[in-house]
Amino acid sequence: MVAMKHVRHPAPTEITLIDVMGALNDPIRVGLVRVLADGREHGWGELRAPVAKSTLSHHLRVLRDAGVTRTRQEGTRCFVELRRDDLDTRFPGLLDAVLDAAHRDDVGAHVGLADDSPAA
């Protein structure tokens, strides 16, 4: 049996606007949120970003610590999903506004899924 590492996620009431906005002040993290906005849980290995794996891990930890994402470990694999319901409850409309602005300004477009084909 593989030991599971417990990761702490802030409770919905512990998620603060300052922490969320701080986590979203980087284009890689905004790109990760754009990818995760599809509502599905993704394995870390599915995520594609122009950074080293250790840097990607750092970005995912920042998002998790701020309450933006939830991480689940299964054996040696880690999965991540957006905490949309919690964010929408705490800060109605914030996530949609961030995603709309990111799409409009093309912030984080260089982050995707490993199976995404390059834009033509």
N, C-alpha and C. Protein backbone atom coordinates (compact mmCIF):
# COMPACT_ATOMS: atom_id res chain seq x y z
N MET A 1 0.84 -1.17 0.00
CA MET A 1 0.00 0.00 0.00
C MET A 1 0.89 1.24 0.00
N VAL A 2 0.56 2.23 -0.84
CA VAL A 2 1.32 3.46 -0.94
C VAL A 2 0.78 4.46 0.07
N ALA A 3 1.68 5.07 0.84
CA ALA A 3 1.25 6.08 1.81
C ALA A 3 0.80 7.33 1.07
N MET A 4 -0.31 7.87 1.52
CA MET A 4 -0.85 9.08 0.90
C MET A 4 -0.35 10.30 1.66
N LYS A 5 0.17 11.26 0.94
CA LYS A 5 0.58 12.50 1.55
C LYS A 5 -0.65 13.38 1.68
N HIS A 6 -0.88 13.89 2.87
CA HIS A 6 -2.04 14.74 3.08
C HIS A 6 -1.68 16.18 2.74
N VAL A 7 -2.46 16.78 1.87
CA VAL A 7 -2.26 18.20 1.55
C VAL A 7 -3.41 18.98 2.15
N ARG A 8 -3.10 20.13 2.69
CA ARG A 8 -4.12 20.95 3.32
C ARG A 8 -4.72 21.90 2.30
N HIS A 9 -6.04 21.96 2.30
CA HIS A 9 -6.77 22.92 1.47
C HIS A 9 -7.51 23.85 2.42
N PRO A 10 -7.48 25.15 2.16
CA PRO A 10 -8.26 26.03 3.03
C PRO A 10 -9.76 25.73 2.92
N ALA A 11 -10.44 25.81 4.05
CA ALA A 11 -11.89 25.68 4.03
C ALA A 11 -12.46 26.86 3.24
N PRO A 12 -13.64 26.71 2.66
CA PRO A 12 -14.21 27.81 1.88
C PRO A 12 -14.22 29.14 2.64
N THR A 13 -14.51 29.11 3.93
CA THR A 13 -14.54 30.36 4.71
C THR A 13 -13.16 30.94 4.94
N GLU A 14 -12.10 30.15 4.72
CA GLU A 14 -10.72 30.64 4.90
C GLU A 14 -10.14 31.23 3.62
N ILE A 15 -10.82 31.08 2.51
CA ILE A 15 -10.33 31.62 1.24
C ILE A 15 -10.52 33.14 1.27
N THR A 16 -9.41 33.86 1.06
CA THR A 16 -9.48 35.31 1.10
C THR A 16 -9.25 35.91 -0.29
N LEU A 17 -9.81 37.07 -0.49
CA LEU A 17 -9.65 37.77 -1.76
C LEU A 17 -8.17 38.06 -2.02
N ILE A 18 -7.45 38.48 -1.00
CA ILE A 18 -6.04 38.81 -1.17
C ILE A 18 -5.25 37.58 -1.62
N ASP A 19 -5.51 36.42 -1.01
CA ASP A 19 -4.81 35.19 -1.40
C ASP A 19 -5.15 34.79 -2.83
N VAL A 20 -6.42 34.87 -3.19
CA VAL A 20 -6.84 34.49 -4.54
C VAL A 20 -6.22 35.43 -5.57
N MET A 21 -6.30 36.73 -5.32
CA MET A 21 -5.73 37.69 -6.27
C MET A 21 -4.21 37.54 -6.36
N GLY A 22 -3.57 37.25 -5.23
CA GLY A 22 -2.13 37.03 -5.25
C GLY A 22 -1.77 35.81 -6.08
N ALA A 23 -2.55 34.76 -5.97
CA ALA A 23 -2.30 33.54 -6.74
C ALA A 23 -2.51 33.77 -8.23
N LEU A 24 -3.38 34.70 -8.57
CA LEU A 24 -3.71 34.96 -9.97
C LEU A 24 -2.87 36.07 -10.59
N ASN A 25 -1.77 36.43 -9.93
CA ASN A 25 -0.94 37.52 -10.46
C ASN A 25 0.18 37.01 -11.36
N ASP A 26 0.06 35.80 -11.83
CA ASP A 26 1.09 35.22 -12.70
C ASP A 26 0.41 34.61 -13.93
N PRO A 27 0.93 34.87 -15.13
CA PRO A 27 0.28 34.35 -16.34
C PRO A 27 0.23 32.83 -16.43
N ILE A 28 1.22 32.14 -15.87
CA ILE A 28 1.18 30.67 -15.87
C ILE A 28 0.00 30.19 -15.03
N ARG A 29 -0.17 30.79 -13.84
CA ARG A 29 -1.27 30.37 -12.96
C ARG A 29 -2.61 30.73 -13.57
N VAL A 30 -2.72 31.87 -14.22
CA VAL A 30 -3.96 32.22 -14.91
C VAL A 30 -4.22 31.20 -16.02
N GLY A 31 -3.18 30.80 -16.73
CA GLY A 31 -3.34 29.78 -17.76
C GLY A 31 -3.81 28.45 -17.19
N LEU A 32 -3.27 28.08 -16.04
CA LEU A 32 -3.72 26.84 -15.40
C LEU A 32 -5.19 26.93 -15.02
N VAL A 33 -5.61 28.08 -14.52
CA VAL A 33 -7.02 28.27 -14.18
C VAL A 33 -7.88 28.20 -15.44
N ARG A 34 -7.40 28.77 -16.53
CA ARG A 34 -8.14 28.68 -17.79
C ARG A 34 -8.33 27.22 -18.20
N VAL A 35 -7.28 26.42 -18.08
CA VAL A 35 -7.36 25.00 -18.44
C VAL A 35 -8.34 24.28 -17.51
N LEU A 36 -8.23 24.56 -16.22
CA LEU A 36 -9.06 23.86 -15.23
C LEU A 36 -10.51 24.34 -15.23
N ALA A 37 -10.77 25.44 -15.91
CA ALA A 37 -12.14 25.97 -15.97
C ALA A 37 -13.07 25.08 -16.78
N ASP A 38 -12.52 24.02 -17.40
CA ASP A 38 -13.38 23.09 -18.13
C ASP A 38 -14.20 22.22 -17.18
N GLY A 39 -13.95 22.34 -15.87
CA GLY A 39 -14.74 21.63 -14.88
C GLY A 39 -14.31 20.20 -14.62
N ARG A 40 -13.25 19.76 -15.27
CA ARG A 40 -12.77 18.39 -15.09
C ARG A 40 -11.55 18.36 -14.19
N GLU A 41 -11.33 17.23 -13.59
CA GLU A 41 -10.11 16.99 -12.82
C GLU A 41 -9.04 16.52 -13.80
N HIS A 42 -7.83 17.07 -13.67
CA HIS A 42 -6.73 16.71 -14.58
C HIS A 42 -5.54 16.22 -13.80
N GLY A 43 -4.87 15.21 -14.34
CA GLY A 43 -3.61 14.76 -13.77
C GLY A 43 -2.54 15.79 -14.05
N TRP A 44 -1.62 15.94 -13.11
CA TRP A 44 -0.54 16.92 -13.31
C TRP A 44 0.22 16.65 -14.59
N GLY A 45 0.37 15.39 -14.96
CA GLY A 45 1.08 15.04 -16.18
C GLY A 45 0.37 15.48 -17.45
N GLU A 46 -0.91 15.79 -17.35
CA GLU A 46 -1.67 16.26 -18.52
C GLU A 46 -1.42 17.74 -18.79
N LEU A 47 -0.95 18.47 -17.78
CA LEU A 47 -0.81 19.91 -17.90
C LEU A 47 0.46 20.27 -18.65
N ARG A 48 0.34 21.19 -19.58
CA ARG A 48 1.47 21.64 -20.40
C ARG A 48 1.69 23.13 -20.14
N ALA A 49 2.92 23.45 -19.73
CA ALA A 49 3.29 24.85 -19.50
C ALA A 49 4.78 25.01 -19.84
N PRO A 50 5.17 26.19 -20.29
CA PRO A 50 6.57 26.40 -20.70
C PRO A 50 7.49 26.65 -19.51
N VAL A 51 7.44 25.75 -18.53
CA VAL A 51 8.28 25.85 -17.34
C VAL A 51 8.73 24.46 -16.94
N ALA A 52 9.75 24.39 -16.08
CA ALA A 52 10.22 23.11 -15.56
C ALA A 52 9.14 22.48 -14.69
N LYS A 53 9.19 21.16 -14.53
CA LYS A 53 8.21 20.46 -13.70
C LYS A 53 8.18 21.00 -12.28
N SER A 54 9.35 21.33 -11.74
CA SER A 54 9.40 21.85 -10.37
C SER A 54 8.71 23.21 -10.29
N THR A 55 8.83 24.02 -11.32
CA THR A 55 8.17 25.33 -11.34
C THR A 55 6.66 25.16 -11.50
N LEU A 56 6.26 24.22 -12.33
CA LEU A 56 4.83 23.93 -12.48
C LEU A 56 4.26 23.48 -11.15
N SER A 57 4.98 22.63 -10.44
CA SER A 57 4.56 22.16 -9.13
C SER A 57 4.40 23.34 -8.17
N HIS A 58 5.32 24.29 -8.22
CA HIS A 58 5.23 25.49 -7.38
C HIS A 58 3.95 26.26 -7.70
N HIS A 59 3.69 26.48 -8.98
CA HIS A 59 2.49 27.22 -9.39
C HIS A 59 1.22 26.51 -8.91
N LEU A 60 1.18 25.21 -9.03
CA LEU A 60 0.02 24.45 -8.57
C LEU A 60 -0.14 24.54 -7.05
N ARG A 61 0.97 24.56 -6.33
CA ARG A 61 0.90 24.69 -4.87
C ARG A 61 0.38 26.07 -4.47
N VAL A 62 0.81 27.11 -5.17
CA VAL A 62 0.32 28.47 -4.88
C VAL A 62 -1.19 28.53 -5.08
N LEU A 63 -1.68 27.96 -6.17
CA LEU A 63 -3.12 27.95 -6.43
C LEU A 63 -3.87 27.17 -5.36
N ARG A 64 -3.33 26.02 -4.96
CA ARG A 64 -3.96 25.20 -3.92
C ARG A 64 -3.98 25.93 -2.58
N ASP A 65 -2.85 26.49 -2.20
CA ASP A 65 -2.76 27.18 -0.91
C ASP A 65 -3.70 28.38 -0.82
N ALA A 66 -3.99 29.00 -1.96
CA ALA A 66 -4.90 30.14 -1.98
C ALA A 66 -6.36 29.71 -2.01
N GLY A 67 -6.61 28.42 -2.23
CA GLY A 67 -7.98 27.93 -2.29
C GLY A 67 -8.58 27.96 -3.68
N VAL A 68 -7.76 28.20 -4.69
CA VAL A 68 -8.25 28.27 -6.06
C VAL A 68 -8.45 26.86 -6.63
N THR A 69 -7.60 25.92 -6.24
CA THR A 69 -7.69 24.56 -6.74
C THR A 69 -7.71 23.56 -5.59
N ARG A 70 -8.08 22.34 -5.93
CA ARG A 70 -8.04 21.22 -4.99
C ARG A 70 -7.17 20.14 -5.63
N THR A 71 -6.25 19.60 -4.84
CA THR A 71 -5.35 18.56 -5.31
C THR A 71 -5.69 17.25 -4.61
N ARG A 72 -5.67 16.17 -5.38
CA ARG A 72 -5.93 14.84 -4.85
C ARG A 72 -4.79 13.94 -5.30
N GLN A 73 -4.25 13.17 -4.36
CA GLN A 73 -3.20 12.23 -4.69
C GLN A 73 -3.76 10.82 -4.69
N GLU A 74 -3.39 10.07 -5.71
CA GLU A 74 -3.81 8.68 -5.84
C GLU A 74 -2.55 7.89 -6.18
N GLY A 75 -2.00 7.20 -5.18
CA GLY A 75 -0.73 6.52 -5.38
C GLY A 75 0.35 7.55 -5.65
N THR A 76 1.03 7.42 -6.77
CA THR A 76 2.08 8.37 -7.12
C THR A 76 1.58 9.48 -8.04
N ARG A 77 0.32 9.43 -8.40
CA ARG A 77 -0.24 10.44 -9.31
C ARG A 77 -1.00 11.50 -8.54
N CYS A 78 -0.93 12.73 -9.04
CA CYS A 78 -1.66 13.85 -8.44
C CYS A 78 -2.65 14.39 -9.47
N PHE A 79 -3.80 14.78 -8.97
CA PHE A 79 -4.85 15.32 -9.80
C PHE A 79 -5.26 16.68 -9.24
N VAL A 80 -5.68 17.56 -10.11
CA VAL A 80 -6.05 18.91 -9.68
C VAL A 80 -7.34 19.33 -10.36
N GLU A 81 -8.15 20.09 -9.63
CA GLU A 81 -9.38 20.64 -10.18
C GLU A 81 -9.60 22.05 -9.62
N LEU A 82 -10.33 22.83 -10.35
CA LEU A 82 -10.67 24.18 -9.94
C LEU A 82 -11.78 24.13 -8.90
N ARG A 83 -11.66 24.95 -7.87
CA ARG A 83 -12.70 25.00 -6.82
C ARG A 83 -13.73 26.08 -7.19
N ARG A 84 -14.33 25.91 -8.35
CA ARG A 84 -15.25 26.93 -8.88
C ARG A 84 -16.40 27.21 -7.92
N ASP A 85 -17.05 26.18 -7.40
CA ASP A 85 -18.19 26.41 -6.51
C ASP A 85 -17.79 27.22 -5.29
N ASP A 86 -16.67 26.86 -4.67
CA ASP A 86 -16.21 27.59 -3.49
C ASP A 86 -15.88 29.04 -3.83
N LEU A 87 -15.21 29.25 -4.96
CA LEU A 87 -14.84 30.61 -5.35
C LEU A 87 -16.08 31.43 -5.71
N ASP A 88 -17.02 30.81 -6.42
CA ASP A 88 -18.24 31.54 -6.79
C ASP A 88 -19.08 31.89 -5.56
N THR A 89 -19.05 31.02 -4.55
CA THR A 89 -19.80 31.31 -3.32
C THR A 89 -19.14 32.45 -2.55
N ARG A 90 -17.81 32.41 -2.44
CA ARG A 90 -17.09 33.44 -1.68
C ARG A 90 -17.05 34.77 -2.41
N PHE A 91 -16.82 34.73 -3.72
CA PHE A 91 -16.62 35.95 -4.52
C PHE A 91 -17.42 35.85 -5.82
N PRO A 92 -18.75 36.04 -5.74
CA PRO A 92 -19.60 35.87 -6.93
C PRO A 92 -19.12 36.72 -8.11
N GLY A 93 -18.95 36.07 -9.24
CA GLY A 93 -18.57 36.76 -10.47
C GLY A 93 -17.08 36.98 -10.66
N LEU A 94 -16.28 36.80 -9.62
CA LEU A 94 -14.84 37.07 -9.73
C LEU A 94 -14.17 36.15 -10.73
N LEU A 95 -14.40 34.86 -10.60
CA LEU A 95 -13.74 33.91 -11.48
C LEU A 95 -14.15 34.13 -12.93
N ASP A 96 -15.43 34.37 -13.17
CA ASP A 96 -15.87 34.64 -14.55
C ASP A 96 -15.22 35.90 -15.10
N ALA A 97 -15.09 36.93 -14.28
CA ALA A 97 -14.45 38.17 -14.72
C ALA A 97 -12.98 37.94 -15.06
N VAL A 98 -12.30 37.17 -14.22
CA VAL A 98 -10.89 36.86 -14.47
C VAL A 98 -10.74 36.05 -15.75
N LEU A 99 -11.57 35.03 -15.91
CA LEU A 99 -11.50 34.19 -17.11
C LEU A 99 -11.83 34.98 -18.38
N ASP A 100 -12.84 35.84 -18.32
CA ASP A 100 -13.20 36.67 -19.48
C ASP A 100 -12.04 37.59 -19.86
N ALA A 101 -11.44 38.24 -18.86
CA ALA A 101 -10.32 39.14 -19.13
C ALA A 101 -9.12 38.37 -19.67
N ALA A 102 -8.87 37.20 -19.11
CA ALA A 102 -7.74 36.38 -19.57
C ALA A 102 -7.93 35.96 -21.02
N HIS A 103 -9.14 35.57 -21.39
CA HIS A 103 -9.41 35.20 -22.78
C HIS A 103 -9.28 36.41 -23.69
N ARG A 104 -9.85 37.52 -23.28
CA ARG A 104 -9.82 38.74 -24.09
C ARG A 104 -8.38 39.23 -24.32
N ASP A 105 -7.54 39.18 -23.26
CA ASP A 105 -6.17 39.67 -23.36
C ASP A 105 -5.17 38.58 -23.68
N ASP A 106 -5.65 37.36 -23.87
CA ASP A 106 -4.82 36.20 -24.21
C ASP A 106 -3.79 35.87 -23.13
N VAL A 107 -4.14 36.11 -21.88
CA VAL A 107 -3.25 35.81 -20.76
C VAL A 107 -3.32 34.31 -20.47
N GLY A 108 -2.18 33.68 -20.40
CA GLY A 108 -2.12 32.26 -20.07
C GLY A 108 -2.44 31.32 -21.21
N ALA A 109 -2.54 31.85 -22.42
CA ALA A 109 -2.90 31.00 -23.57
C ALA A 109 -1.81 29.97 -23.88
N HIS A 110 -0.60 30.19 -23.39
CA HIS A 110 0.51 29.28 -23.65
C HIS A 110 0.51 28.07 -22.70
N VAL A 111 -0.50 27.98 -21.86
CA VAL A 111 -0.67 26.84 -20.96
C VAL A 111 -1.83 26.01 -21.49
N GLY A 112 -1.68 24.70 -21.46
CA GLY A 112 -2.74 23.86 -21.99
C GLY A 112 -2.62 22.44 -21.46
N LEU A 113 -3.23 21.54 -22.19
CA LEU A 113 -3.18 20.12 -21.86
C LEU A 113 -2.23 19.44 -22.82
N ALA A 114 -1.60 18.37 -22.37
CA ALA A 114 -0.60 17.67 -23.18
C ALA A 114 -1.18 17.17 -24.49
N ASP A 115 -2.47 16.86 -24.52
CA ASP A 115 -3.07 16.35 -25.74
C ASP A 115 -3.65 17.44 -26.64
N ASP A 116 -3.50 18.71 -26.22
CA ASP A 116 -3.95 19.81 -27.07
C ASP A 116 -3.06 19.88 -28.31
N SER A 117 -3.69 20.06 -29.45
CA SER A 117 -2.88 20.27 -30.64
C SER A 117 -2.57 21.75 -30.76
N PRO A 118 -1.40 22.09 -31.27
CA PRO A 118 -1.04 23.50 -31.40
C PRO A 118 -2.02 24.25 -32.28
N ALA A 119 -2.21 25.52 -31.95
CA ALA A 119 -3.12 26.36 -32.74
C ALA A 119 -2.55 26.54 -34.13
N ALA A 120 -3.42 26.50 -35.12
CA ALA A 120 -2.96 26.67 -36.51
C ALA A 120 -2.90 28.12 -36.88
